[in-house]
Structure formats: C-alpha cells, structure tokens
Amino acid sequence: MIILICGAEGSGKTVLAKPFAKLLNAVYVNKDTYANELKGYIDGLVAAGKTVVVDKRCQTLKAHEYINPDYVVWMDTVESKIERPLKVNYHISEWFDDTHVELIKVVSKYMEQT
C-alpha cells in the first residue's frame, strides 16, 4: 500500500509523515530518496509486502499520478498555489500535535476495509 502525504512547503508533511510511518510500521520515503528512481523504489517496497508512506510536495496533478498512491493525505495548512489532488482520502486543514495519531486510526480502518 502506498500512502502519499502531500501539500505545500511548510504544511507539515514531514512532521506528520515520519511519526505516522513509525506508528504504522511502514517505510518512510522522503521526496529526495532515490529522486530519479522514486517510483521504482516505491513499487519494489510494495512488491515486498511493505506499506510505504511517501512525503512529497507534488506541486502538480502529474506528480500525484506518478506516485499512483492508494491513499492520499492532503495537507492544506498553509496558503499555496499547489493543485489539490483529484483523489483525497483525508484532508488536513489545521495542524494539531496528535494529527498523526488520529490519522493512524483512519488509515487503519481504511486498510481493514480493502
């Protein structure tokens, strides 16, 4: 399963993604990890049975399509001109210290249903 956490610079993607991936026992992948071969790297992890949390700005809809995530978390906490993904499973418009804890409950429920 690929979970994409995306949004503008400074929206809290990394602050959310790192502890969230740890709670989920998933592999955390930052946008700079294997930048030129990101999709192949992610697909390899998924093929090995891993859940992957991708922390990426994704400034265009093409960037979202490139990752082809199963679940999308849209961080809309700062003013920006980044395009909203067509598919958004969870929208965060305000940051809280326990956002990653709340998100784990929602994603776990989603994973049980799929």
PDB file of N, CA and C in Angstrom:
ATOM      1  N   MET A   1       0.838  -1.175   0.000  1.00  0.00           N
ATOM      2  CA  MET A   1       0.000   0.000   0.000  1.00  0.00           C
ATOM      3  C   MET A   1       0.883   1.238   0.000  1.00  0.00           C
ATOM      4  N   ILE A   2       0.518   2.212  -0.817  1.00  0.00           N
ATOM      5  CA  ILE A   2       1.236   3.473  -0.892  1.00  0.00           C
ATOM      6  C   ILE A   2       0.344   4.574  -0.318  1.00  0.00           C
ATOM      7  N   ILE A   3       0.848   5.251   0.705  1.00  0.00           N
ATOM      8  CA  ILE A   3       0.151   6.377   1.311  1.00  0.00           C
ATOM      9  C   ILE A   3       0.955   7.623   0.984  1.00  0.00           C
ATOM     10  N   LEU A   4       0.352   8.548   0.273  1.00  0.00           N
ATOM     11  CA  LEU A   4       1.010   9.796  -0.102  1.00  0.00           C
ATOM     12  C   LEU A   4       0.556  10.905   0.832  1.00  0.00           C
ATOM     13  N   ILE A   5       1.522  11.555   1.466  1.00  0.00           N
ATOM     14  CA  ILE A   5       1.237  12.736   2.278  1.00  0.00           C
ATOM     15  C   ILE A   5       1.810  13.913   1.502  1.00  0.00           C
ATOM     16  N   CYS A   6       0.906  14.762   1.010  1.00  0.00           N
ATOM     17  CA  CYS A   6       1.336  15.834   0.121  1.00  0.00           C
ATOM     18  C   CYS A   6       0.747  17.168   0.543  1.00  0.00           C
ATOM     19  N   GLY A   7       1.363  18.221   0.069  1.00  0.00           N
ATOM     20  CA  GLY A   7       0.935  19.581   0.365  1.00  0.00           C
ATOM     21  C   GLY A   7       2.057  20.543   0.077  1.00  0.00           C
ATOM     22  N   ALA A   8       1.837  21.786   0.387  1.00  0.00           N
ATOM     23  CA  ALA A   8       2.819  22.828   0.107  1.00  0.00           C
ATOM     24  C   ALA A   8       4.002  22.763   1.059  1.00  0.00           C
ATOM     25  N   GLU A   9       5.076  23.443   0.689  1.00  0.00           N
ATOM     26  CA  GLU A   9       6.235  23.575   1.557  1.00  0.00           C
ATOM     27  C   GLU A   9       5.791  24.229   2.863  1.00  0.00           C
ATOM     28  N   GLY A  10       6.210  23.663   3.979  1.00  0.00           N
ATOM     29  CA  GLY A  10       5.867  24.222   5.281  1.00  0.00           C
ATOM     30  C   GLY A  10       4.503  23.811   5.817  1.00  0.00           C
ATOM     31  N   SER A  11       3.833  22.897   5.116  1.00  0.00           N
ATOM     32  CA  SER A  11       2.491  22.490   5.552  1.00  0.00           C
ATOM     33  C   SER A  11       2.510  21.455   6.674  1.00  0.00           C
ATOM     34  N   GLY A  12       3.648  20.842   6.918  1.00  0.00           N
ATOM     35  CA  GLY A  12       3.760  19.857   7.993  1.00  0.00           C
ATOM     36  C   GLY A  12       3.848  18.425   7.510  1.00  0.00           C
ATOM     37  N   LYS A  13       4.148  18.230   6.236  1.00  0.00           N
ATOM     38  CA  LYS A  13       4.204  16.876   5.672  1.00  0.00           C
ATOM     39  C   LYS A  13       5.198  15.988   6.415  1.00  0.00           C
ATOM     40  N   THR A  14       6.401  16.453   6.572  1.00  0.00           N
ATOM     41  CA  THR A  14       7.437  15.649   7.214  1.00  0.00           C
ATOM     42  C   THR A  14       7.152  15.463   8.695  1.00  0.00           C
ATOM     43  N   VAL A  15       6.684  16.508   9.345  1.00  0.00           N
ATOM     44  CA  VAL A  15       6.340  16.423  10.772  1.00  0.00           C
ATOM     45  C   VAL A  15       5.257  15.369  10.988  1.00  0.00           C
ATOM     46  N   LEU A  16       4.362  15.231  10.030  1.00  0.00           N
ATOM     47  CA  LEU A  16       3.308  14.217  10.116  1.00  0.00           C
ATOM     48  C   LEU A  16       3.807  12.853   9.648  1.00  0.00           C
ATOM     49  N   ALA A  17       4.479  12.810   8.513  1.00  0.00           N
ATOM     50  CA  ALA A  17       4.812  11.545   7.853  1.00  0.00           C
ATOM     51  C   ALA A  17       5.768  10.660   8.660  1.00  0.00           C
ATOM     52  N   LYS A  18       6.781  11.237   9.267  1.00  0.00           N
ATOM     53  CA  LYS A  18       7.765  10.422   9.994  1.00  0.00           C
ATOM     54  C   LYS A  18       7.150   9.664  11.171  1.00  0.00           C
ATOM     55  N   PRO A  19       6.479  10.334  12.117  1.00  0.00           N
ATOM     56  CA  PRO A  19       5.894   9.560  13.228  1.00  0.00           C
ATOM     57  C   PRO A  19       4.732   8.678  12.773  1.00  0.00           C
ATOM     58  N   PHE A  20       4.015   9.114  11.742  1.00  0.00           N
ATOM     59  CA  PHE A  20       2.915   8.311  11.207  1.00  0.00           C
ATOM     60  C   PHE A  20       3.442   7.002  10.642  1.00  0.00           C
ATOM     61  N   ALA A  21       4.500   7.062   9.850  1.00  0.00           N
ATOM     62  CA  ALA A  21       5.102   5.845   9.283  1.00  0.00           C
ATOM     63  C   ALA A  21       5.585   4.916  10.390  1.00  0.00           C
ATOM     64  N   LYS A  22       6.174   5.501  11.425  1.00  0.00           N
ATOM     65  CA  LYS A  22       6.656   4.689  12.543  1.00  0.00           C
ATOM     66  C   LYS A  22       5.497   3.984  13.246  1.00  0.00           C
ATOM     67  N   LEU A  23       4.406   4.710  13.520  1.00  0.00           N
ATOM     68  CA  LEU A  23       3.233   4.111  14.158  1.00  0.00           C
ATOM     69  C   LEU A  23       2.624   3.003  13.308  1.00  0.00           C
ATOM     70  N   LEU A  24       2.677   3.184  12.003  1.00  0.00           N
ATOM     71  CA  LEU A  24       2.091   2.231  11.071  1.00  0.00           C
ATOM     72  C   LEU A  24       3.042   1.077  10.743  1.00  0.00           C
ATOM     73  N   ASN A  25       4.278   1.178  11.241  1.00  0.00           N
ATOM     74  CA  ASN A  25       5.326   0.211  10.913  1.00  0.00           C
ATOM     75  C   ASN A  25       5.531   0.147   9.396  1.00  0.00           C
ATOM     76  N   ALA A  26       5.553   1.324   8.787  1.00  0.00           N
ATOM     77  CA  ALA A  26       5.701   1.455   7.339  1.00  0.00           C
ATOM     78  C   ALA A  26       7.074   2.024   7.012  1.00  0.00           C
ATOM     79  N   VAL A  27       7.431   1.958   5.753  1.00  0.00           N
ATOM     80  CA  VAL A  27       8.679   2.547   5.282  1.00  0.00           C
ATOM     81  C   VAL A  27       8.411   4.012   4.952  1.00  0.00           C
ATOM     82  N   TYR A  28       9.199   4.899   5.523  1.00  0.00           N
ATOM     83  CA  TYR A  28       9.082   6.332   5.238  1.00  0.00           C
ATOM     84  C   TYR A  28       9.977   6.657   4.042  1.00  0.00           C
ATOM     85  N   VAL A  29       9.413   7.313   3.039  1.00  0.00           N
ATOM     86  CA  VAL A  29      10.175   7.715   1.860  1.00  0.00           C
ATOM     87  C   VAL A  29       9.995   9.216   1.673  1.00  0.00           C
ATOM     88  N   ASN A  30      11.103   9.937   1.769  1.00  0.00           N
ATOM     89  CA  ASN A  30      11.080  11.371   1.528  1.00  0.00           C
ATOM     90  C   ASN A  30      11.211  11.621   0.038  1.00  0.00           C
ATOM     91  N   LYS A  31      10.710  12.745  -0.419  1.00  0.00           N
ATOM     92  CA  LYS A  31      10.731  13.088  -1.832  1.00  0.00           C
ATOM     93  C   LYS A  31      12.126  13.013  -2.432  1.00  0.00           C
ATOM     94  N   ASP A  32      13.158  13.206  -1.623  1.00  0.00           N
ATOM     95  CA  ASP A  32      14.529  13.196  -2.135  1.00  0.00           C
ATOM     96  C   ASP A  32      15.145  11.803  -2.163  1.00  0.00           C
ATOM     97  N   THR A  33      14.482  10.831  -1.540  1.00  0.00           N
ATOM     98  CA  THR A  33      15.006   9.473  -1.528  1.00  0.00           C
ATOM     99  C   THR A  33      14.947   8.892  -2.932  1.00  0.00           C
ATOM    100  N   TYR A  34      16.064   8.501  -3.456  1.00  0.00           N
ATOM    101  CA  TYR A  34      16.117   7.911  -4.795  1.00  0.00           C
ATOM    102  C   TYR A  34      15.334   8.770  -5.797  1.00  0.00           C
ATOM    103  N   ALA A  35      15.572  10.072  -5.767  1.00  0.00           N
ATOM    104  CA  ALA A  35      14.770  11.031  -6.537  1.00  0.00           C
ATOM    105  C   ALA A  35      14.559  10.620  -7.994  1.00  0.00           C
ATOM    106  N   ASN A  36      15.576  10.125  -8.656  1.00  0.00           N
ATOM    107  CA  ASN A  36      15.435   9.778 -10.073  1.00  0.00           C
ATOM    108  C   ASN A  36      14.738   8.440 -10.286  1.00  0.00           C
ATOM    109  N   GLU A  37      14.701   7.619  -9.271  1.00  0.00           N
ATOM    110  CA  GLU A  37      14.108   6.289  -9.400  1.00  0.00           C
ATOM    111  C   GLU A  37      13.044   6.068  -8.328  1.00  0.00           C
ATOM    112  N   LEU A  38      12.372   7.139  -7.936  1.00  0.00           N
ATOM    113  CA  LEU A  38      11.425   7.077  -6.826  1.00  0.00           C
ATOM    114  C   LEU A  38      10.337   6.045  -7.031  1.00  0.00           C
ATOM    115  N   LYS A  39       9.684   6.072  -8.174  1.00  0.00           N
ATOM    116  CA  LYS A  39       8.563   5.159  -8.420  1.00  0.00           C
ATOM    117  C   LYS A  39       9.011   3.704  -8.388  1.00  0.00           C
ATOM    118  N   GLY A  40      10.128   3.389  -9.006  1.00  0.00           N
ATOM    119  CA  GLY A  40      10.634   2.019  -8.990  1.00  0.00           C
ATOM    120  C   GLY A  40      10.972   1.554  -7.580  1.00  0.00           C
ATOM    121  N   TYR A  41      11.555   2.449  -6.795  1.00  0.00           N
ATOM    122  CA  TYR A  41      11.899   2.128  -5.418  1.00  0.00           C
ATOM    123  C   TYR A  41      10.643   1.835  -4.601  1.00  0.00           C
ATOM    124  N   ILE A  42       9.631   2.695  -4.735  1.00  0.00           N
ATOM    125  CA  ILE A  42       8.375   2.512  -4.009  1.00  0.00           C
ATOM    126  C   ILE A  42       7.688   1.227  -4.442  1.00  0.00           C
ATOM    127  N   ASP A  43       7.602   0.995  -5.739  1.00  0.00           N
ATOM    128  CA  ASP A  43       6.960  -0.214  -6.236  1.00  0.00           C
ATOM    129  C   ASP A  43       7.671  -1.471  -5.744  1.00  0.00           C
ATOM    130  N   GLY A  44       8.991  -1.415  -5.632  1.00  0.00           N
ATOM    131  CA  GLY A  44       9.752  -2.548  -5.111  1.00  0.00           C
ATOM    132  C   GLY A  44       9.415  -2.837  -3.658  1.00  0.00           C
ATOM    133  N   LEU A  45       9.253  -1.793  -2.863  1.00  0.00           N
ATOM    134  CA  LEU A  45       8.879  -1.968  -1.459  1.00  0.00           C
ATOM    135  C   LEU A  45       7.489  -2.578  -1.343  1.00  0.00           C
ATOM    136  N   VAL A  46       6.548  -2.077  -2.143  1.00  0.00           N
ATOM    137  CA  VAL A  46       5.177  -2.603  -2.112  1.00  0.00           C
ATOM    138  C   VAL A  46       5.163  -4.064  -2.549  1.00  0.00           C
ATOM    139  N   ALA A  47       5.932  -4.385  -3.583  1.00  0.00           N
ATOM    140  CA  ALA A  47       6.007  -5.767  -4.059  1.00  0.00           C
ATOM    141  C   ALA A  47       6.562  -6.697  -2.976  1.00  0.00           C
ATOM    142  N   ALA A  48       7.382  -6.153  -2.091  1.00  0.00           N
ATOM    143  CA  ALA A  48       7.947  -6.933  -0.986  1.00  0.00           C
ATOM    144  C   ALA A  48       6.998  -6.988   0.215  1.00  0.00           C
ATOM    145  N   GLY A  49       5.779  -6.442   0.046  1.00  0.00           N
ATOM    146  CA  GLY A  49       4.778  -6.511   1.099  1.00  0.00           C
ATOM    147  C   GLY A  49       4.815  -5.368   2.102  1.00  0.00           C
ATOM    148  N   LYS A  50       5.571  -4.335   1.806  1.00  0.00           N
ATOM    149  CA  LYS A  50       5.690  -3.206   2.727  1.00  0.00           C
ATOM    150  C   LYS A  50       4.616  -2.153   2.457  1.00  0.00           C
ATOM    151  N   THR A  51       4.214  -1.461   3.495  1.00  0.00           N
ATOM    152  CA  THR A  51       3.405  -0.251   3.366  1.00  0.00           C
ATOM    153  C   THR A  51       4.388   0.901   3.295  1.00  0.00           C
ATOM    154  N   VAL A  52       4.147   1.833   2.386  1.00  0.00           N
ATOM    155  CA  VAL A  52       5.073   2.938   2.157  1.00  0.00           C
ATOM    156  C   VAL A  52       4.353   4.264   2.386  1.00  0.00           C
ATOM    157  N   VAL A  53       4.966   5.117   3.196  1.00  0.00           N
ATOM    158  CA  VAL A  53       4.461   6.470   3.410  1.00  0.00           C
ATOM    159  C   VAL A  53       5.392   7.411   2.653  1.00  0.00           C
ATOM    160  N   VAL A  54       4.843   8.071   1.635  1.00  0.00           N
ATOM    161  CA  VAL A  54       5.629   8.968   0.790  1.00  0.00           C
ATOM    162  C   VAL A  54       5.358  10.409   1.205  1.00  0.00           C
ATOM    163  N   ASP A  55       6.406  11.126   1.523  1.00  0.00           N
ATOM    164  CA  ASP A  55       6.367  12.535   1.910  1.00  0.00           C
ATOM    165  C   ASP A  55       6.831  13.333   0.697  1.00  0.00           C
ATOM    166  N   LYS A  56       5.878  13.957  -0.019  1.00  0.00           N
ATOM    167  CA  LYS A  56       6.236  14.630  -1.270  1.00  0.00           C
ATOM    168  C   LYS A  56       5.376  15.868  -1.473  1.00  0.00           C
ATOM    169  N   ARG A  57       5.985  16.910  -1.992  1.00  0.00           N
ATOM    170  CA  ARG A  57       5.264  18.160  -2.229  1.00  0.00           C
ATOM    171  C   ARG A  57       4.199  18.002  -3.305  1.00  0.00           C
ATOM    172  N   CYS A  58       4.498  17.347  -4.412  1.00  0.00           N
ATOM    173  CA  CYS A  58       3.535  17.107  -5.504  1.00  0.00           C
ATOM    174  C   CYS A  58       2.841  18.393  -5.942  1.00  0.00           C
ATOM    175  N   GLN A  59       3.564  19.250  -6.607  1.00  0.00           N
ATOM    176  CA  GLN A  59       3.039  20.555  -6.998  1.00  0.00           C
ATOM    177  C   GLN A  59       2.030  20.489  -8.137  1.00  0.00           C
ATOM    178  N   THR A  60       2.001  19.385  -8.868  1.00  0.00           N
ATOM    179  CA  THR A  60       1.069  19.261  -9.992  1.00  0.00           C
ATOM    180  C   THR A  60       0.310  17.946  -9.895  1.00  0.00           C
ATOM    181  N   LEU A  61      -0.761  17.850 -10.641  1.00  0.00           N
ATOM    182  CA  LEU A  61      -1.527  16.604 -10.673  1.00  0.00           C
ATOM    183  C   LEU A  61      -0.708  15.468 -11.265  1.00  0.00           C
ATOM    184  N   LYS A  62       0.204  15.775 -12.180  1.00  0.00           N
ATOM    185  CA  LYS A  62       1.060  14.737 -12.764  1.00  0.00           C
ATOM    186  C   LYS A  62       1.942  14.084 -11.699  1.00  0.00           C
ATOM    187  N   ALA A  63       2.364  14.856 -10.723  1.00  0.00           N
ATOM    188  CA  ALA A  63       3.182  14.300  -9.644  1.00  0.00           C
ATOM    189  C   ALA A  63       2.391  13.282  -8.833  1.00  0.00           C
ATOM    190  N   HIS A  64       1.110  13.560  -8.603  1.00  0.00           N
ATOM    191  CA  HIS A  64       0.258  12.607  -7.893  1.00  0.00           C
ATOM    192  C   HIS A  64       0.082  11.339  -8.713  1.00  0.00           C
ATOM    193  N   GLU A  65      -0.166  11.511  -9.997  1.00  0.00           N
ATOM    194  CA  GLU A  65      -0.363  10.361 -10.887  1.00  0.00           C
ATOM    195  C   GLU A  65       0.894   9.499 -10.944  1.00  0.00           C
ATOM    196  N   TYR A  66       2.055  10.130 -10.907  1.00  0.00           N
ATOM    197  CA  TYR A  66       3.331   9.425 -10.973  1.00  0.00           C
ATOM    198  C   TYR A  66       3.488   8.461  -9.795  1.00  0.00           C
ATOM    199  N   ILE A  67       3.126   8.911  -8.618  1.00  0.00           N
ATOM    200  CA  ILE A  67       3.228   8.077  -7.419  1.00  0.00           C
ATOM    201  C   ILE A  67       2.156   6.994  -7.424  1.00  0.00           C
ATOM    202  N   ASN A  68       0.975   7.303  -7.947  1.00  0.00           N
ATOM    203  CA  ASN A  68      -0.158   6.373  -8.004  1.00  0.00           C
ATOM    204  C   ASN A  68      -0.468   5.778  -6.622  1.00  0.00           C
ATOM    205  N   PRO A  69      -0.775   6.642  -5.658  1.00  0.00           N
ATOM    206  CA  PRO A  69      -1.000   6.165  -4.289  1.00  0.00           C
ATOM    207  C   PRO A  69      -2.354   5.487  -4.115  1.00  0.00           C
ATOM    208  N   ASP A  70      -2.420   4.632  -3.106  1.00  0.00           N
ATOM    209  CA  ASP A  70      -3.682   4.001  -2.725  1.00  0.00           C
ATOM    210  C   ASP A  70      -4.489   4.924  -1.815  1.00  0.00           C
ATOM    211  N   TYR A  71      -3.781   5.767  -1.062  1.00  0.00           N
ATOM    212  CA  TYR A  71      -4.418   6.630  -0.073  1.00  0.00           C
ATOM    213  C   TYR A  71      -3.691   7.969  -0.099  1.00  0.00           C
ATOM    214  N   VAL A  72      -4.453   9.062  -0.127  1.00  0.00           N
ATOM    215  CA  VAL A  72      -3.852  10.397  -0.216  1.00  0.00           C
ATOM    216  C   VAL A  72      -4.266  11.254   0.977  1.00  0.00           C
ATOM    217  N   VAL A  73      -3.264  11.800   1.655  1.00  0.00           N
ATOM    218  CA  VAL A  73      -3.475  12.754   2.730  1.00  0.00           C
ATOM    219  C   VAL A  73      -3.056  14.120   2.187  1.00  0.00           C
ATOM    220  N   TRP A  74      -3.989  15.049   2.122  1.00  0.00           N
ATOM    221  CA  TRP A  74      -3.745  16.390   1.593  1.00  0.00           C
ATOM    222  C   TRP A  74      -3.559  17.354   2.752  1.00  0.00           C
ATOM    223  N   MET A  75      -2.345  17.907   2.867  1.00  0.00           N
ATOM    224  CA  MET A  75      -2.002  18.880   3.901  1.00  0.00           C
ATOM    225  C   MET A  75      -2.256  20.270   3.345  1.00  0.00           C
ATOM    226  N   ASP A  76      -3.333  20.874   3.756  1.00  0.00           N
ATOM    227  CA  ASP A  76      -3.745  22.182   3.267  1.00  0.00           C
ATOM    228  C   ASP A  76      -3.701  23.178   4.423  1.00  0.00           C
ATOM    229  N   THR A  77      -2.538  23.264   5.085  1.00  0.00           N
ATOM    230  CA  THR A  77      -2.424  24.054   6.305  1.00  0.00           C
ATOM    231  C   THR A  77      -1.785  25.422   6.088  1.00  0.00           C
ATOM    232  N   VAL A  78      -1.251  25.657   4.890  1.00  0.00           N
ATOM    233  CA  VAL A  78      -0.641  26.950   4.562  1.00  0.00           C
ATOM    234  C   VAL A  78      -1.180  27.429   3.217  1.00  0.00           C
ATOM    235  N   GLU A  79      -1.123  28.715   3.009  1.00  0.00           N
ATOM    236  CA  GLU A  79      -1.565  29.303   1.746  1.00  0.00           C
ATOM    237  C   GLU A  79      -0.596  28.902   0.640  1.00  0.00           C
ATOM    238  N   SER A  80      -1.127  28.365  -0.452  1.00  0.00           N
ATOM    239  CA  SER A  80      -0.258  27.959  -1.558  1.00  0.00           C
ATOM    240  C   SER A  80      -1.044  27.896  -2.855  1.00  0.00           C
ATOM    241  N   LYS A  81      -0.295  27.723  -3.937  1.00  0.00           N
ATOM    242  CA  LYS A  81      -0.912  27.585  -5.253  1.00  0.00           C
ATOM    243  C   LYS A  81      -0.748  26.165  -5.782  1.00  0.00           C
ATOM    244  N   ILE A  82      -0.439  25.230  -4.908  1.00  0.00           N
ATOM    245  CA  ILE A  82      -0.295  23.836  -5.307  1.00  0.00           C
ATOM    246  C   ILE A  82      -1.679  23.270  -5.595  1.00  0.00           C
ATOM    247  N   GLU A  83      -1.765  22.496  -6.678  1.00  0.00           N
ATOM    248  CA  GLU A  83      -3.045  21.915  -7.067  1.00  0.00           C
ATOM    249  C   GLU A  83      -3.481  20.846  -6.070  1.00  0.00           C
ATOM    250  N   ARG A  84      -4.758  20.878  -5.717  1.00  0.00           N
ATOM    251  CA  ARG A  84      -5.327  19.842  -4.849  1.00  0.00           C
ATOM    252  C   ARG A  84      -5.400  18.552  -5.663  1.00  0.00           C
ATOM    253  N   PRO A  85      -4.983  17.441  -5.082  1.00  0.00           N
ATOM    254  CA  PRO A  85      -5.090  16.161  -5.793  1.00  0.00           C
ATOM    255  C   PRO A  85      -6.543  15.849  -6.145  1.00  0.00           C
ATOM    256  N   LEU A  86      -6.744  15.133  -7.235  1.00  0.00           N
ATOM    257  CA  LEU A  86      -8.099  14.744  -7.621  1.00  0.00           C
ATOM    258  C   LEU A  86      -8.692  13.779  -6.607  1.00  0.00           C
ATOM    259  N   LYS A  87      -7.838  12.910  -6.080  1.00  0.00           N
ATOM    260  CA  LYS A  87      -8.260  11.928  -5.088  1.00  0.00           C
ATOM    261  C   LYS A  87      -7.680  12.334  -3.735  1.00  0.00           C
ATOM    262  N   VAL A  88      -8.534  12.621  -2.778  1.00  0.00           N
ATOM    263  CA  VAL A  88      -8.095  12.938  -1.422  1.00  0.00           C
ATOM    264  C   VAL A  88      -8.906  12.071  -0.471  1.00  0.00           C
ATOM    265  N   ASN A  89      -8.217  11.233   0.303  1.00  0.00           N
ATOM    266  CA  ASN A  89      -8.889  10.388   1.281  1.00  0.00           C
ATOM    267  C   ASN A  89      -9.002  11.066   2.642  1.00  0.00           C
ATOM    268  N   TYR A  90      -8.037  11.918   2.946  1.00  0.00           N
ATOM    269  CA  TYR A  90      -8.016  12.587   4.248  1.00  0.00           C
ATOM    270  C   TYR A  90      -7.454  13.984   4.048  1.00  0.00           C
ATOM    271  N   HIS A  91      -8.204  14.982   4.464  1.00  0.00           N
ATOM    272  CA  HIS A  91      -7.820  16.380   4.282  1.00  0.00           C
ATOM    273  C   HIS A  91      -7.486  16.995   5.632  1.00  0.00           C
ATOM    274  N   ILE A  92      -6.295  17.553   5.746  1.00  0.00           N
ATOM    275  CA  ILE A  92      -5.878  18.209   6.976  1.00  0.00           C
ATOM    276  C   ILE A  92      -5.751  19.697   6.685  1.00  0.00           C
ATOM    277  N   SER A  93      -6.618  20.481   7.294  1.00  0.00           N
ATOM    278  CA  SER A  93      -6.590  21.916   7.067  1.00  0.00           C
ATOM    279  C   SER A  93      -6.021  22.680   8.260  1.00  0.00           C
ATOM    280  N   GLU A  94      -5.870  21.984   9.377  1.00  0.00           N
ATOM    281  CA  GLU A  94      -5.316  22.607  10.576  1.00  0.00           C
ATOM    282  C   GLU A  94      -4.452  21.578  11.295  1.00  0.00           C
ATOM    283  N   TRP A  95      -3.313  22.022  11.757  1.00  0.00           N
ATOM    284  CA  TRP A  95      -2.349  21.124  12.380  1.00  0.00           C
ATOM    285  C   TRP A  95      -2.579  21.026  13.887  1.00  0.00           C
ATOM    286  N   PHE A  96      -2.534  19.799  14.413  1.00  0.00           N
ATOM    287  CA  PHE A  96      -2.597  19.537  15.849  1.00  0.00           C
ATOM    288  C   PHE A  96      -1.435  18.618  16.210  1.00  0.00           C
ATOM    289  N   ASP A  97      -0.999  18.631  17.446  1.00  0.00           N
ATOM    290  CA  ASP A  97       0.136  17.808  17.872  1.00  0.00           C
ATOM    291  C   ASP A  97      -0.128  16.321  17.731  1.00  0.00           C
ATOM    292  N   ASP A  98      -1.384  15.908  17.771  1.00  0.00           N
ATOM    293  CA  ASP A  98      -1.704  14.479  17.688  1.00  0.00           C
ATOM    294  C   ASP A  98      -2.304  14.094  16.325  1.00  0.00           C
ATOM    295  N   THR A  99      -2.072  14.893  15.316  1.00  0.00           N
ATOM    296  CA  THR A  99      -2.640  14.614  13.998  1.00  0.00           C
ATOM    297  C   THR A  99      -2.219  13.228  13.497  1.00  0.00           C
ATOM    298  N   HIS A 100      -0.970  12.854  13.692  1.00  0.00           N
ATOM    299  CA  HIS A 100      -0.500  11.544  13.226  1.00  0.00           C
ATOM    300  C   HIS A 100      -1.204  10.401  13.959  1.00  0.00           C
ATOM    301  N   VAL A 101      -1.552  10.601  15.223  1.00  0.00           N
ATOM    302  CA  VAL A 101      -2.260   9.573  15.994  1.00  0.00           C
ATOM    303  C   VAL A 101      -3.683   9.406  15.468  1.00  0.00           C
ATOM    304  N   GLU A 102      -4.337  10.516  15.194  1.00  0.00           N
ATOM    305  CA  GLU A 102      -5.695  10.457  14.641  1.00  0.00           C
ATOM    306  C   GLU A 102      -5.687   9.848  13.242  1.00  0.00           C
ATOM    307  N   LEU A 103      -4.687  10.193  12.459  1.00  0.00           N
ATOM    308  CA  LEU A 103      -4.592   9.670  11.090  1.00  0.00           C
ATOM    309  C   LEU A 103      -4.409   8.155  11.085  1.00  0.00           C
ATOM    310  N   ILE A 104      -3.661   7.624  12.024  1.00  0.00           N
ATOM    311  CA  ILE A 104      -3.438   6.176  12.079  1.00  0.00           C
ATOM    312  C   ILE A 104      -4.760   5.443  12.262  1.00  0.00           C
ATOM    313  N   LYS A 105      -5.672   6.008  13.041  1.00  0.00           N
ATOM    314  CA  LYS A 105      -6.980   5.377  13.243  1.00  0.00           C
ATOM    315  C   LYS A 105      -7.766   5.320  11.932  1.00  0.00           C
ATOM    316  N   VAL A 106      -7.749   6.408  11.201  1.00  0.00           N
ATOM    317  CA  VAL A 106      -8.499   6.491   9.939  1.00  0.00           C
ATOM    318  C   VAL A 106      -7.909   5.558   8.892  1.00  0.00           C
ATOM    319  N   VAL A 107      -6.598   5.569   8.752  1.00  0.00           N
ATOM    320  CA  VAL A 107      -5.953   4.724   7.739  1.00  0.00           C
ATOM    321  C   VAL A 107      -6.060   3.252   8.107  1.00  0.00           C
ATOM    322  N   SER A 108      -5.937   2.927   9.372  1.00  0.00           N
ATOM    323  CA  SER A 108      -6.090   1.524   9.798  1.00  0.00           C
ATOM    324  C   SER A 108      -7.478   1.002   9.440  1.00  0.00           C
ATOM    325  N   LYS A 109      -8.476   1.820   9.672  1.00  0.00           N
ATOM    326  CA  LYS A 109      -9.854   1.425   9.315  1.00  0.00           C
ATOM    327  C   LYS A 109      -9.983   1.233   7.800  1.00  0.00           C
ATOM    328  N   TYR A 110      -9.377   2.122   7.033  1.00  0.00           N
ATOM    329  CA  TYR A 110      -9.390   2.014   5.574  1.00  0.00           C
ATOM    330  C   TYR A 110      -8.720   0.713   5.124  1.00  0.00           C
ATOM    331  N   MET A 111      -7.581   0.386   5.726  1.00  0.00           N
ATOM    332  CA  MET A 111      -6.828  -0.813   5.357  1.00  0.00           C
ATOM    333  C   MET A 111      -7.625  -2.070   5.677  1.00  0.00           C
ATOM    334  N   GLU A 112      -8.378  -2.051   6.757  1.00  0.00           N
ATOM    335  CA  GLU A 112      -9.207  -3.207   7.112  1.00  0.00           C
ATOM    336  C   GLU A 112     -10.312  -3.443   6.089  1.00  0.00           C
ATOM    337  N   GLN A 113     -10.811  -2.362   5.494  1.00  0.00           N
ATOM    338  CA  GLN A 113     -11.911  -2.454   4.544  1.00  0.00           C
ATOM    339  C   GLN A 113     -11.469  -2.842   3.143  1.00  0.00           C
ATOM    340  N   THR A 114     -10.172  -2.708   2.848  1.00  0.00           N
ATOM    341  CA  THR A 114      -9.687  -3.033   1.496  1.00  0.00           C
ATOM    342  C   THR A 114      -9.036  -4.378   1.434  1.00  0.00           C
TER     343      THR A 114
END
